[in-house]
Every structure is written in structure tokens, then in C-alpha cells.
């Protein structure tokens, strides 16, 4: 399945495997979430909330000792989570993500 996904990747910027526990806020309330993928333009999360494509979600977690909170739109939903594309990510937030990913690689 992973090979199929890589062959059919539509993102301009890849996502990298991560393991963050955070919180998600949106139409369906708030919940803890697990962030399993992170990239410059989005993330993948797992939560108990029933997100649908097009929903706007705020995700918050700690990255390199600092709180990061981002808004995103659900672009896909699958059995093991939902993919968010970031909305209006400010330069400071993007820099925090890029610094973390640079260190991780």
C-alpha cells in the first residue's frame, strides 16, 4: 500500500513520518489527536472526530519545545486518519515546521 501511495503522490512537497500527540478543534468539538505525517504544506492526523473533506480544523501540538497551532482544510479521509492542507500558514509557523523536518532528516 505504501508503494502505491508513493507512486501516486500528488503533493508538491512530501510529508515525513512523525509522532506527535496534540489536540484538534473544529466543527465537531475538540479531541486529542495523533499526528503521523508532517510536511511544509500539511499533515495527517488520527482522531475520534468524524471529519469530512472540506472541514476546517485547527491542530495544536508541541514541536521542539514550542506550541504550534495551525489551521487546515481536510483534503482526504481514510481508515487511519485525515489529511489536512494548511491554510494561511504564517512564516513563523512554517519556519518551525521546516526547522523540525530539517533536524529530523
PDB file of N, CA and C in Angstrom:
ATOM      1  N   UNK A   1       0.828  -1.188   0.000  1.00  0.00           N
ATOM      2  CA  UNK A   1       0.000   0.000   0.000  1.00  0.00           C
ATOM      3  C   UNK A   1       0.874   1.255   0.000  1.00  0.00           C
ATOM      4  N   UNK A   2       1.938   1.275   0.778  1.00  0.00           N
ATOM      5  CA  UNK A   2       2.812   2.444   0.824  1.00  0.00           C
ATOM      6  C   UNK A   2       3.436   2.716  -0.539  1.00  0.00           C
ATOM      7  N   UNK A   3       3.830   1.657  -1.255  1.00  0.00           N
ATOM      8  CA  UNK A   3       4.426   1.840  -2.582  1.00  0.00           C
ATOM      9  C   UNK A   3       3.427   2.483  -3.529  1.00  0.00           C
ATOM     10  N   UNK A   4       2.176   2.037  -3.497  1.00  0.00           N
ATOM     11  CA  UNK A   4       1.136   2.617  -4.330  1.00  0.00           C
ATOM     12  C   UNK A   4       0.988   4.099  -4.025  1.00  0.00           C
ATOM     13  N   UNK A   5       1.000   4.444  -2.745  1.00  0.00           N
ATOM     14  CA  UNK A   5       0.830   5.834  -2.344  1.00  0.00           C
ATOM     15  C   UNK A   5       1.967   6.700  -2.852  1.00  0.00           C
ATOM     16  N   UNK A   6       3.196   6.212  -2.748  1.00  0.00           N
ATOM     17  CA  UNK A   6       4.338   6.990  -3.220  1.00  0.00           C
ATOM     18  C   UNK A   6       4.297   7.179  -4.732  1.00  0.00           C
ATOM     19  N   UNK A   7       3.863   6.164  -5.449  1.00  0.00           N
ATOM     20  CA  UNK A   7       3.795   6.260  -6.903  1.00  0.00           C
ATOM     21  C   UNK A   7       2.725   7.241  -7.359  1.00  0.00           C
ATOM     22  N   UNK A   8       1.710   7.435  -6.550  1.00  0.00           N
ATOM     23  CA  UNK A   8       0.595   8.297  -6.935  1.00  0.00           C
ATOM     24  C   UNK A   8       0.542   9.573  -6.092  1.00  0.00           C
ATOM     25  N   UNK A   9       1.648   9.960  -5.538  1.00  0.00           N
ATOM     26  CA  UNK A   9       1.733  11.170  -4.713  1.00  0.00           C
ATOM     27  C   UNK A   9       1.366  12.396  -5.550  1.00  0.00           C
ATOM     28  N   UNK A  10       0.462  13.214  -5.033  1.00  0.00           N
ATOM     29  CA  UNK A  10       0.046  14.418  -5.746  1.00  0.00           C
ATOM     30  C   UNK A  10       0.535  15.690  -5.070  1.00  0.00           C
ATOM     31  N   UNK A  11       1.208  15.558  -3.954  1.00  0.00           N
ATOM     32  CA  UNK A  11       1.675  16.733  -3.230  1.00  0.00           C
ATOM     33  C   UNK A  11       2.905  17.330  -3.905  1.00  0.00           C
ATOM     34  N   UNK A  12       2.990  18.648  -3.831  1.00  0.00           N
ATOM     35  CA  UNK A  12       4.178  19.336  -4.351  1.00  0.00           C
ATOM     36  C   UNK A  12       5.354  19.183  -3.393  1.00  0.00           C
ATOM     37  N   UNK A  13       5.052  19.049  -2.103  1.00  0.00           N
ATOM     38  CA  UNK A  13       6.067  18.911  -1.061  1.00  0.00           C
ATOM     39  C   UNK A  13       5.733  17.649  -0.258  1.00  0.00           C
ATOM     40  N   UNK A  14       6.685  16.749  -0.050  1.00  0.00           N
ATOM     41  CA  UNK A  14       6.378  15.490   0.654  1.00  0.00           C
ATOM     42  C   UNK A  14       6.096  15.703   2.137  1.00  0.00           C
ATOM     43  N   UNK A  15       5.448  14.710   2.719  1.00  0.00           N
ATOM     44  CA  UNK A  15       5.252  14.660   4.171  1.00  0.00           C
ATOM     45  C   UNK A  15       6.176  13.592   4.720  1.00  0.00           C
ATOM     46  N   UNK A  16       6.606  13.787   5.961  1.00  0.00           N
ATOM     47  CA  UNK A  16       7.543  12.871   6.611  1.00  0.00           C
ATOM     48  C   UNK A  16       6.877  12.229   7.809  1.00  0.00           C
ATOM     49  N   UNK A  17       7.238  10.979   8.106  1.00  0.00           N
ATOM     50  CA  UNK A  17       6.652  10.328   9.282  1.00  0.00           C
ATOM     51  C   UNK A  17       7.099  11.016  10.578  1.00  0.00           C
ATOM     52  N   UNK A  18       6.152  11.275  11.460  1.00  0.00           N
ATOM     53  CA  UNK A  18       6.410  11.885  12.763  1.00  0.00           C
ATOM     54  C   UNK A  18       5.515  11.190  13.784  1.00  0.00           C
ATOM     55  N   UNK A  19       5.636  11.562  15.027  1.00  0.00           N
ATOM     56  CA  UNK A  19       4.778  11.016  16.084  1.00  0.00           C
ATOM     57  C   UNK A  19       4.542  12.108  17.128  1.00  0.00           C
ATOM     58  N   UNK A  20       3.470  12.868  16.949  1.00  0.00           N
ATOM     59  CA  UNK A  20       3.097  13.920  17.882  1.00  0.00           C
ATOM     60  C   UNK A  20       1.709  13.643  18.429  1.00  0.00           C
ATOM     61  N   UNK A  21       1.514  13.881  19.705  1.00  0.00           N
ATOM     62  CA  UNK A  21       0.178  13.880  20.286  1.00  0.00           C
ATOM     63  C   UNK A  21      -0.206  15.344  20.450  1.00  0.00           C
ATOM     64  N   UNK A  22      -1.377  15.690  19.960  1.00  0.00           N
ATOM     65  CA  UNK A  22      -1.820  17.068  20.032  1.00  0.00           C
ATOM     66  C   UNK A  22      -3.311  17.141  20.266  1.00  0.00           C
ATOM     67  N   UNK A  23      -3.882  18.277  19.918  1.00  0.00           N
ATOM     68  CA  UNK A  23      -5.313  18.494  20.042  1.00  0.00           C
ATOM     69  C   UNK A  23      -5.854  19.071  18.745  1.00  0.00           C
ATOM     70  N   UNK A  24      -7.086  18.670  18.410  1.00  0.00           N
ATOM     71  CA  UNK A  24      -7.759  19.166  17.216  1.00  0.00           C
ATOM     72  C   UNK A  24      -9.060  19.839  17.629  1.00  0.00           C
ATOM     73  N   UNK A  25      -9.369  20.938  16.941  1.00  0.00           N
ATOM     74  CA  UNK A  25     -10.569  21.705  17.218  1.00  0.00           C
ATOM     75  C   UNK A  25     -11.274  21.969  15.894  1.00  0.00           C
ATOM     76  N   UNK A  26     -12.587  21.831  15.897  1.00  0.00           N
ATOM     77  CA  UNK A  26     -13.327  22.097  14.671  1.00  0.00           C
ATOM     78  C   UNK A  26     -14.823  22.016  14.896  1.00  0.00           C
ATOM     79  N   UNK A  27     -15.538  21.822  13.829  1.00  0.00           N
ATOM     80  CA  UNK A  27     -16.995  21.770  13.839  1.00  0.00           C
ATOM     81  C   UNK A  27     -17.538  20.758  14.840  1.00  0.00           C
ATOM     82  N   UNK A  28     -16.825  19.647  15.014  1.00  0.00           N
ATOM     83  CA  UNK A  28     -17.317  18.553  15.843  1.00  0.00           C
ATOM     84  C   UNK A  28     -16.804  18.623  17.276  1.00  0.00           C
ATOM     85  N   UNK A  29     -16.207  19.737  17.673  1.00  0.00           N
ATOM     86  CA  UNK A  29     -15.696  19.886  19.025  1.00  0.00           C
ATOM     87  C   UNK A  29     -14.187  19.738  19.058  1.00  0.00           C
ATOM     88  N   UNK A  30     -13.660  19.365  20.218  1.00  0.00           N
ATOM     89  CA  UNK A  30     -12.218  19.207  20.356  1.00  0.00           C
ATOM     90  C   UNK A  30     -11.905  17.782  20.803  1.00  0.00           C
ATOM     91  N   UNK A  31     -10.702  17.348  20.485  1.00  0.00           N
ATOM     92  CA  UNK A  31     -10.290  15.988  20.794  1.00  0.00           C
ATOM     93  C   UNK A  31      -8.777  15.890  20.745  1.00  0.00           C
ATOM     94  N   UNK A  32      -8.225  14.950  21.482  1.00  0.00           N
ATOM     95  CA  UNK A  32      -6.810  14.641  21.308  1.00  0.00           C
ATOM     96  C   UNK A  32      -6.645  14.033  19.928  1.00  0.00           C
ATOM     97  N   UNK A  33      -5.483  14.209  19.349  1.00  0.00           N
ATOM     98  CA  UNK A  33      -5.214  13.621  18.042  1.00  0.00           C
ATOM     99  C   UNK A  33      -3.770  13.138  17.998  1.00  0.00           C
ATOM    100  N   UNK A  34      -3.505  12.263  17.061  1.00  0.00           N
ATOM    101  CA  UNK A  34      -2.161  11.761  16.828  1.00  0.00           C
ATOM    102  C   UNK A  34      -1.749  12.207  15.431  1.00  0.00           C
ATOM    103  N   UNK A  35      -0.644  12.934  15.330  1.00  0.00           N
ATOM    104  CA  UNK A  35      -0.145  13.413  14.037  1.00  0.00           C
ATOM    105  C   UNK A  35       0.940  12.448  13.582  1.00  0.00           C
ATOM    106  N   UNK A  36       0.706  11.800  12.440  1.00  0.00           N
ATOM    107  CA  UNK A  36       1.626  10.755  11.963  1.00  0.00           C
ATOM    108  C   UNK A  36       2.464  11.170  10.763  1.00  0.00           C
ATOM    109  N   UNK A  37       2.079  12.235  10.091  1.00  0.00           N
ATOM    110  CA  UNK A  37       2.842  12.751   8.951  1.00  0.00           C
ATOM    111  C   UNK A  37       2.839  14.269   9.024  1.00  0.00           C
ATOM    112  N   UNK A  38       3.967  14.868   8.618  1.00  0.00           N
ATOM    113  CA  UNK A  38       4.069  16.326   8.648  1.00  0.00           C
ATOM    114  C   UNK A  38       4.899  16.791   7.462  1.00  0.00           C
ATOM    115  N   UNK A  39       4.441  17.842   6.831  1.00  0.00           N
ATOM    116  CA  UNK A  39       5.177  18.454   5.737  1.00  0.00           C
ATOM    117  C   UNK A  39       5.013  19.955   5.784  1.00  0.00           C
ATOM    118  N   UNK A  40       5.637  20.620   4.858  1.00  0.00           N
ATOM    119  CA  UNK A  40       5.597  22.074   4.812  1.00  0.00           C
ATOM    120  C   UNK A  40       4.188  22.604   4.557  1.00  0.00           C
ATOM    121  N   UNK A  41       3.366  21.799   3.872  1.00  0.00           N
ATOM    122  CA  UNK A  41       2.043  22.274   3.479  1.00  0.00           C
ATOM    123  C   UNK A  41       0.878  21.554   4.141  1.00  0.00           C
ATOM    124  N   UNK A  42       1.172  20.550   4.991  1.00  0.00           N
ATOM    125  CA  UNK A  42       0.063  19.837   5.604  1.00  0.00           C
ATOM    126  C   UNK A  42       0.508  18.738   6.536  1.00  0.00           C
ATOM    127  N   UNK A  43      -0.490  17.995   7.043  1.00  0.00           N
ATOM    128  CA  UNK A  43      -0.211  16.910   7.967  1.00  0.00           C
ATOM    129  C   UNK A  43      -1.300  15.850   7.867  1.00  0.00           C
ATOM    130  N   UNK A  44      -1.012  14.713   8.470  1.00  0.00           N
ATOM    131  CA  UNK A  44      -2.009  13.651   8.580  1.00  0.00           C
ATOM    132  C   UNK A  44      -2.236  13.406  10.055  1.00  0.00           C
ATOM    133  N   UNK A  45      -3.511  13.308  10.447  1.00  0.00           N
ATOM    134  CA  UNK A  45      -3.827  13.087  11.847  1.00  0.00           C
ATOM    135  C   UNK A  45      -4.882  12.004  12.008  1.00  0.00           C
ATOM    136  N   UNK A  46      -4.887  11.434  13.197  1.00  0.00           N
ATOM    137  CA  UNK A  46      -5.896  10.457  13.584  1.00  0.00           C
ATOM    138  C   UNK A  46      -6.593  10.995  14.818  1.00  0.00           C
ATOM    139  N   UNK A  47      -7.898  10.972  14.793  1.00  0.00           N
ATOM    140  CA  UNK A  47      -8.697  11.466  15.914  1.00  0.00           C
ATOM    141  C   UNK A  47     -10.022  10.718  15.929  1.00  0.00           C
ATOM    142  N   UNK A  48     -10.733  10.812  17.007  1.00  0.00           N
ATOM    143  CA  UNK A  48     -12.030  10.162  17.106  1.00  0.00           C
ATOM    144  C   UNK A  48     -13.161  10.985  16.502  1.00  0.00           C
ATOM    145  N   UNK A  49     -12.853  12.163  15.997  1.00  0.00           N
ATOM    146  CA  UNK A  49     -13.891  13.029  15.434  1.00  0.00           C
ATOM    147  C   UNK A  49     -14.160  12.682  13.970  1.00  0.00           C
ATOM    148  N   UNK A  50     -15.412  12.802  13.537  1.00  0.00           N
ATOM    149  CA  UNK A  50     -15.806  12.377  12.179  1.00  0.00           C
ATOM    150  C   UNK A  50     -15.595  13.450  11.111  1.00  0.00           C
ATOM    151  N   UNK A  51     -14.362  13.837  10.871  1.00  0.00           N
ATOM    152  CA  UNK A  51     -14.114  14.879   9.882  1.00  0.00           C
ATOM    153  C   UNK A  51     -14.491  14.430   8.485  1.00  0.00           C
ATOM    154  N   UNK A  52     -14.888  15.415   7.678  1.00  0.00           N
ATOM    155  CA  UNK A  52     -15.244  15.179   6.276  1.00  0.00           C
ATOM    156  C   UNK A  52     -14.398  16.093   5.405  1.00  0.00           C
ATOM    157  N   UNK A  53     -14.227  15.708   4.144  1.00  0.00           N
ATOM    158  CA  UNK A  53     -13.488  16.540   3.199  1.00  0.00           C
ATOM    159  C   UNK A  53     -14.129  17.928   3.167  1.00  0.00           C
ATOM    160  N   UNK A  54     -13.293  18.944   3.285  1.00  0.00           N
ATOM    161  CA  UNK A  54     -13.755  20.331   3.279  1.00  0.00           C
ATOM    162  C   UNK A  54     -13.873  20.949   4.661  1.00  0.00           C
ATOM    163  N   UNK A  55     -13.902  20.126   5.717  1.00  0.00           N
ATOM    164  CA  UNK A  55     -13.974  20.667   7.072  1.00  0.00           C
ATOM    165  C   UNK A  55     -12.714  21.468   7.392  1.00  0.00           C
ATOM    166  N   UNK A  56     -12.881  22.533   8.144  1.00  0.00           N
ATOM    167  CA  UNK A  56     -11.726  23.294   8.626  1.00  0.00           C
ATOM    168  C   UNK A  56     -11.429  22.852  10.051  1.00  0.00           C
ATOM    169  N   UNK A  57     -10.143  22.613  10.317  1.00  0.00           N
ATOM    170  CA  UNK A  57      -9.695  22.065  11.595  1.00  0.00           C
ATOM    171  C   UNK A  57      -8.507  22.878  12.086  1.00  0.00           C
ATOM    172  N   UNK A  58      -8.419  23.067  13.379  1.00  0.00           N
ATOM    173  CA  UNK A  58      -7.223  23.636  13.995  1.00  0.00           C
ATOM    174  C   UNK A  58      -6.518  22.502  14.726  1.00  0.00           C
ATOM    175  N   UNK A  59      -5.252  22.325  14.449  1.00  0.00           N
ATOM    176  CA  UNK A  59      -4.442  21.315  15.125  1.00  0.00           C
ATOM    177  C   UNK A  59      -3.363  22.029  15.929  1.00  0.00           C
ATOM    178  N   UNK A  60      -3.129  21.558  17.142  1.00  0.00           N
ATOM    179  CA  UNK A  60      -2.112  22.159  18.011  1.00  0.00           C
ATOM    180  C   UNK A  60      -1.274  21.059  18.631  1.00  0.00           C
ATOM    181  N   UNK A  61       0.041  21.274  18.684  1.00  0.00           N
ATOM    182  CA  UNK A  61       0.955  20.311  19.291  1.00  0.00           C
ATOM    183  C   UNK A  61       2.241  21.028  19.660  1.00  0.00           C
ATOM    184  N   UNK A  62       3.100  20.316  20.362  1.00  0.00           N
ATOM    185  CA  UNK A  62       4.388  20.869  20.773  1.00  0.00           C
ATOM    186  C   UNK A  62       5.451  20.363  19.802  1.00  0.00           C
ATOM    187  N   UNK A  63       6.229  21.287  19.250  1.00  0.00           N
ATOM    188  CA  UNK A  63       7.295  20.934  18.314  1.00  0.00           C
ATOM    189  C   UNK A  63       8.562  21.659  18.772  1.00  0.00           C
ATOM    190  N   UNK A  64       9.604  20.910  19.004  1.00  0.00           N
ATOM    191  CA  UNK A  64      10.871  21.474  19.511  1.00  0.00           C
ATOM    192  C   UNK A  64      10.662  22.344  20.750  1.00  0.00           C
ATOM    193  N   UNK A  65       9.767  21.898  21.637  1.00  0.00           N
ATOM    194  CA  UNK A  65       9.540  22.615  22.883  1.00  0.00           C
ATOM    195  C   UNK A  65       8.630  23.826  22.785  1.00  0.00           C
ATOM    196  N   UNK A  66       8.107  24.118  21.607  1.00  0.00           N
ATOM    197  CA  UNK A  66       7.223  25.276  21.415  1.00  0.00           C
ATOM    198  C   UNK A  66       5.862  24.829  20.907  1.00  0.00           C
ATOM    199  N   UNK A  67       4.821  25.513  21.375  1.00  0.00           N
ATOM    200  CA  UNK A  67       3.478  25.202  20.902  1.00  0.00           C
ATOM    201  C   UNK A  67       3.324  25.681  19.463  1.00  0.00           C
ATOM    202  N   UNK A  68       2.741  24.839  18.653  1.00  0.00           N
ATOM    203  CA  UNK A  68       2.443  25.198  17.263  1.00  0.00           C
ATOM    204  C   UNK A  68       0.958  24.963  17.043  1.00  0.00           C
ATOM    205  N   UNK A  69       0.266  25.931  16.512  1.00  0.00           N
ATOM    206  CA  UNK A  69      -1.154  25.809  16.224  1.00  0.00           C
ATOM    207  C   UNK A  69      -1.384  26.245  14.786  1.00  0.00           C
ATOM    208  N   UNK A  70      -1.999  25.365  14.002  1.00  0.00           N
ATOM    209  CA  UNK A  70      -2.222  25.650  12.590  1.00  0.00           C
ATOM    210  C   UNK A  70      -3.669  25.355  12.213  1.00  0.00           C
ATOM    211  N   UNK A  71      -4.148  26.069  11.217  1.00  0.00           N
ATOM    212  CA  UNK A  71      -5.477  25.817  10.667  1.00  0.00           C
ATOM    213  C   UNK A  71      -5.299  25.096   9.339  1.00  0.00           C
ATOM    214  N   UNK A  72      -6.225  24.193   9.059  1.00  0.00           N
ATOM    215  CA  UNK A  72      -6.151  23.467   7.799  1.00  0.00           C
ATOM    216  C   UNK A  72      -7.517  23.018   7.328  1.00  0.00           C
ATOM    217  N   UNK A  73      -7.550  22.606   6.070  1.00  0.00           N
ATOM    218  CA  UNK A  73      -8.756  22.055   5.465  1.00  0.00           C
ATOM    219  C   UNK A  73      -8.539  20.570   5.229  1.00  0.00           C
ATOM    220  N   UNK A  74      -9.533  19.758   5.588  1.00  0.00           N
ATOM    221  CA  UNK A  74      -9.440  18.323   5.346  1.00  0.00           C
ATOM    222  C   UNK A  74      -9.498  18.089   3.838  1.00  0.00           C
ATOM    223  N   UNK A  75      -8.460  17.445   3.299  1.00  0.00           N
ATOM    224  CA  UNK A  75      -8.391  17.165   1.862  1.00  0.00           C
ATOM    225  C   UNK A  75      -8.707  15.711   1.530  1.00  0.00           C
ATOM    226  N   UNK A  76      -8.495  14.817   2.508  1.00  0.00           N
ATOM    227  CA  UNK A  76      -8.896  13.422   2.312  1.00  0.00           C
ATOM    228  C   UNK A  76      -9.151  12.780   3.667  1.00  0.00           C
ATOM    229  N   UNK A  77      -9.988  11.753   3.660  1.00  0.00           N
ATOM    230  CA  UNK A  77     -10.271  10.966   4.848  1.00  0.00           C
ATOM    231  C   UNK A  77     -10.074   9.507   4.458  1.00  0.00           C
ATOM    232  N   UNK A  78      -9.374   8.757   5.323  1.00  0.00           N
ATOM    233  CA  UNK A  78      -9.161   7.337   5.073  1.00  0.00           C
ATOM    234  C   UNK A  78      -9.351   6.569   6.381  1.00  0.00           C
ATOM    235  N   UNK A  79      -9.201   5.251   6.330  1.00  0.00           N
ATOM    236  CA  UNK A  79      -9.436   4.421   7.512  1.00  0.00           C
ATOM    237  C   UNK A  79      -8.597   4.834   8.708  1.00  0.00           C
ATOM    238  N   UNK A  80      -7.375   5.280   8.457  1.00  0.00           N
ATOM    239  CA  UNK A  80      -6.477   5.573   9.578  1.00  0.00           C
ATOM    240  C   UNK A  80      -6.227   7.065   9.786  1.00  0.00           C
ATOM    241  N   UNK A  81      -7.117   7.915   9.311  1.00  0.00           N
ATOM    242  CA  UNK A  81      -6.937   9.330   9.600  1.00  0.00           C
ATOM    243  C   UNK A  81      -7.481  10.267   8.543  1.00  0.00           C
ATOM    244  N   UNK A  82      -7.025  11.511   8.639  1.00  0.00           N
ATOM    245  CA  UNK A  82      -7.439  12.556   7.706  1.00  0.00           C
ATOM    246  C   UNK A  82      -6.223  13.402   7.356  1.00  0.00           C
ATOM    247  N   UNK A  83      -6.172  13.846   6.112  1.00  0.00           N
ATOM    248  CA  UNK A  83      -5.089  14.702   5.650  1.00  0.00           C
ATOM    249  C   UNK A  83      -5.530  16.146   5.614  1.00  0.00           C
ATOM    250  N   UNK A  84      -4.733  17.017   6.229  1.00  0.00           N
ATOM    251  CA  UNK A  84      -5.033  18.445   6.242  1.00  0.00           C
ATOM    252  C   UNK A  84      -4.062  19.199   5.353  1.00  0.00           C
ATOM    253  N   UNK A  85      -4.569  20.151   4.620  1.00  0.00           N
ATOM    254  CA  UNK A  85      -3.734  21.109   3.906  1.00  0.00           C
ATOM    255  C   UNK A  85      -3.798  22.398   4.708  1.00  0.00           C
ATOM    256  N   UNK A  86      -2.628  22.952   5.050  1.00  0.00           N
ATOM    257  CA  UNK A  86      -2.593  24.157   5.868  1.00  0.00           C
ATOM    258  C   UNK A  86      -3.248  25.333   5.153  1.00  0.00           C
ATOM    259  N   UNK A  87      -3.895  26.187   5.950  1.00  0.00           N
ATOM    260  CA  UNK A  87      -4.491  27.425   5.465  1.00  0.00           C
ATOM    261  C   UNK A  87      -3.723  28.595   6.059  1.00  0.00           C
ATOM    262  N   UNK A  88      -3.279  29.505   5.238  1.00  0.00           N
ATOM    263  CA  UNK A  88      -2.657  30.749   5.711  1.00  0.00           C
ATOM    264  C   UNK A  88      -1.590  30.535   6.782  1.00  0.00           C
ATOM    265  N   UNK A  89      -0.696  29.590   6.546  1.00  0.00           N
ATOM    266  CA  UNK A  89       0.390  29.338   7.494  1.00  0.00           C
ATOM    267  C   UNK A  89       1.315  30.545   7.517  1.00  0.00           C
ATOM    268  N   UNK A  90       1.512  31.117   8.687  1.00  0.00           N
ATOM    269  CA  UNK A  90       2.367  32.300   8.766  1.00  0.00           C
ATOM    270  C   UNK A  90       3.836  31.873   8.661  1.00  0.00           C
ATOM    271  N   UNK A  91       4.720  32.777   8.288  1.00  0.00           N
ATOM    272  CA  UNK A  91       6.139  32.439   8.121  1.00  0.00           C
ATOM    273  C   UNK A  91       6.771  31.830   9.378  1.00  0.00           C
ATOM    274  N   UNK A  92       6.377  32.296  10.559  1.00  0.00           N
ATOM    275  CA  UNK A  92       6.937  31.755  11.802  1.00  0.00           C
ATOM    276  C   UNK A  92       6.551  30.291  11.985  1.00  0.00           C
ATOM    277  N   UNK A  93       5.279  29.971  11.721  1.00  0.00           N
ATOM    278  CA  UNK A  93       4.817  28.592  11.839  1.00  0.00           C
ATOM    279  C   UNK A  93       5.529  27.702  10.821  1.00  0.00           C
ATOM    280  N   UNK A  94       5.624  28.170   9.579  1.00  0.00           N
ATOM    281  CA  UNK A  94       6.294  27.392   8.530  1.00  0.00           C
ATOM    282  C   UNK A  94       7.761  27.147   8.902  1.00  0.00           C
ATOM    283  N   UNK A  95       8.412  28.163   9.453  1.00  0.00           N
ATOM    284  CA  UNK A  95       9.815  28.024   9.841  1.00  0.00           C
ATOM    285  C   UNK A  95       9.981  26.978  10.941  1.00  0.00           C
ATOM    286  N   UNK A  96       9.088  26.957  11.925  1.00  0.00           N
ATOM    287  CA  UNK A  96       9.147  25.947  12.988  1.00  0.00           C
ATOM    288  C   UNK A  96       9.046  24.540  12.402  1.00  0.00           C
ATOM    289  N   UNK A  97       8.136  24.366  11.468  1.00  0.00           N
ATOM    290  CA  UNK A  97       7.962  23.053  10.830  1.00  0.00           C
ATOM    291  C   UNK A  97       9.200  22.686  10.028  1.00  0.00           C
ATOM    292  N   UNK A  98       9.700  23.612   9.220  1.00  0.00           N
ATOM    293  CA  UNK A  98      10.880  23.331   8.391  1.00  0.00           C
ATOM    294  C   UNK A  98      12.110  23.028   9.237  1.00  0.00           C
ATOM    295  N   UNK A  99      12.296  23.768  10.334  1.00  0.00           N
ATOM    296  CA  UNK A  99      13.437  23.505  11.212  1.00  0.00           C
ATOM    297  C   UNK A  99      13.343  22.106  11.819  1.00  0.00           C
ATOM    298  N   UNK A 100      12.154  21.719  12.230  1.00  0.00           N
ATOM    299  CA  UNK A 100      11.969  20.385  12.795  1.00  0.00           C
ATOM    300  C   UNK A 100      12.273  19.312  11.736  1.00  0.00           C
ATOM    301  N   UNK A 101      11.732  19.485  10.547  1.00  0.00           N
ATOM    302  CA  UNK A 101      11.924  18.484   9.494  1.00  0.00           C
ATOM    303  C   UNK A 101      13.385  18.415   9.068  1.00  0.00           C
ATOM    304  N   UNK A 102      14.065  19.549   9.029  1.00  0.00           N
ATOM    305  CA  UNK A 102      15.493  19.579   8.680  1.00  0.00           C
ATOM    306  C   UNK A 102      16.293  18.788   9.702  1.00  0.00           C
ATOM    307  N   UNK A 103      15.972  18.970  10.986  1.00  0.00           N
ATOM    308  CA  UNK A 103      16.657  18.272  12.070  1.00  0.00           C
ATOM    309  C   UNK A 103      16.356  16.777  12.012  1.00  0.00           C
ATOM    310  N   UNK A 104      15.118  16.428  11.687  1.00  0.00           N
ATOM    311  CA  UNK A 104      14.678  15.030  11.671  1.00  0.00           C
ATOM    312  C   UNK A 104      15.364  14.232  10.571  1.00  0.00           C
ATOM    313  N   UNK A 105      15.599  14.850   9.432  1.00  0.00           N
ATOM    314  CA  UNK A 105      16.187  14.126   8.304  1.00  0.00           C
ATOM    315  C   UNK A 105      17.603  13.845   8.623  1.00  0.00           C
TER     316      UNK A 105
END
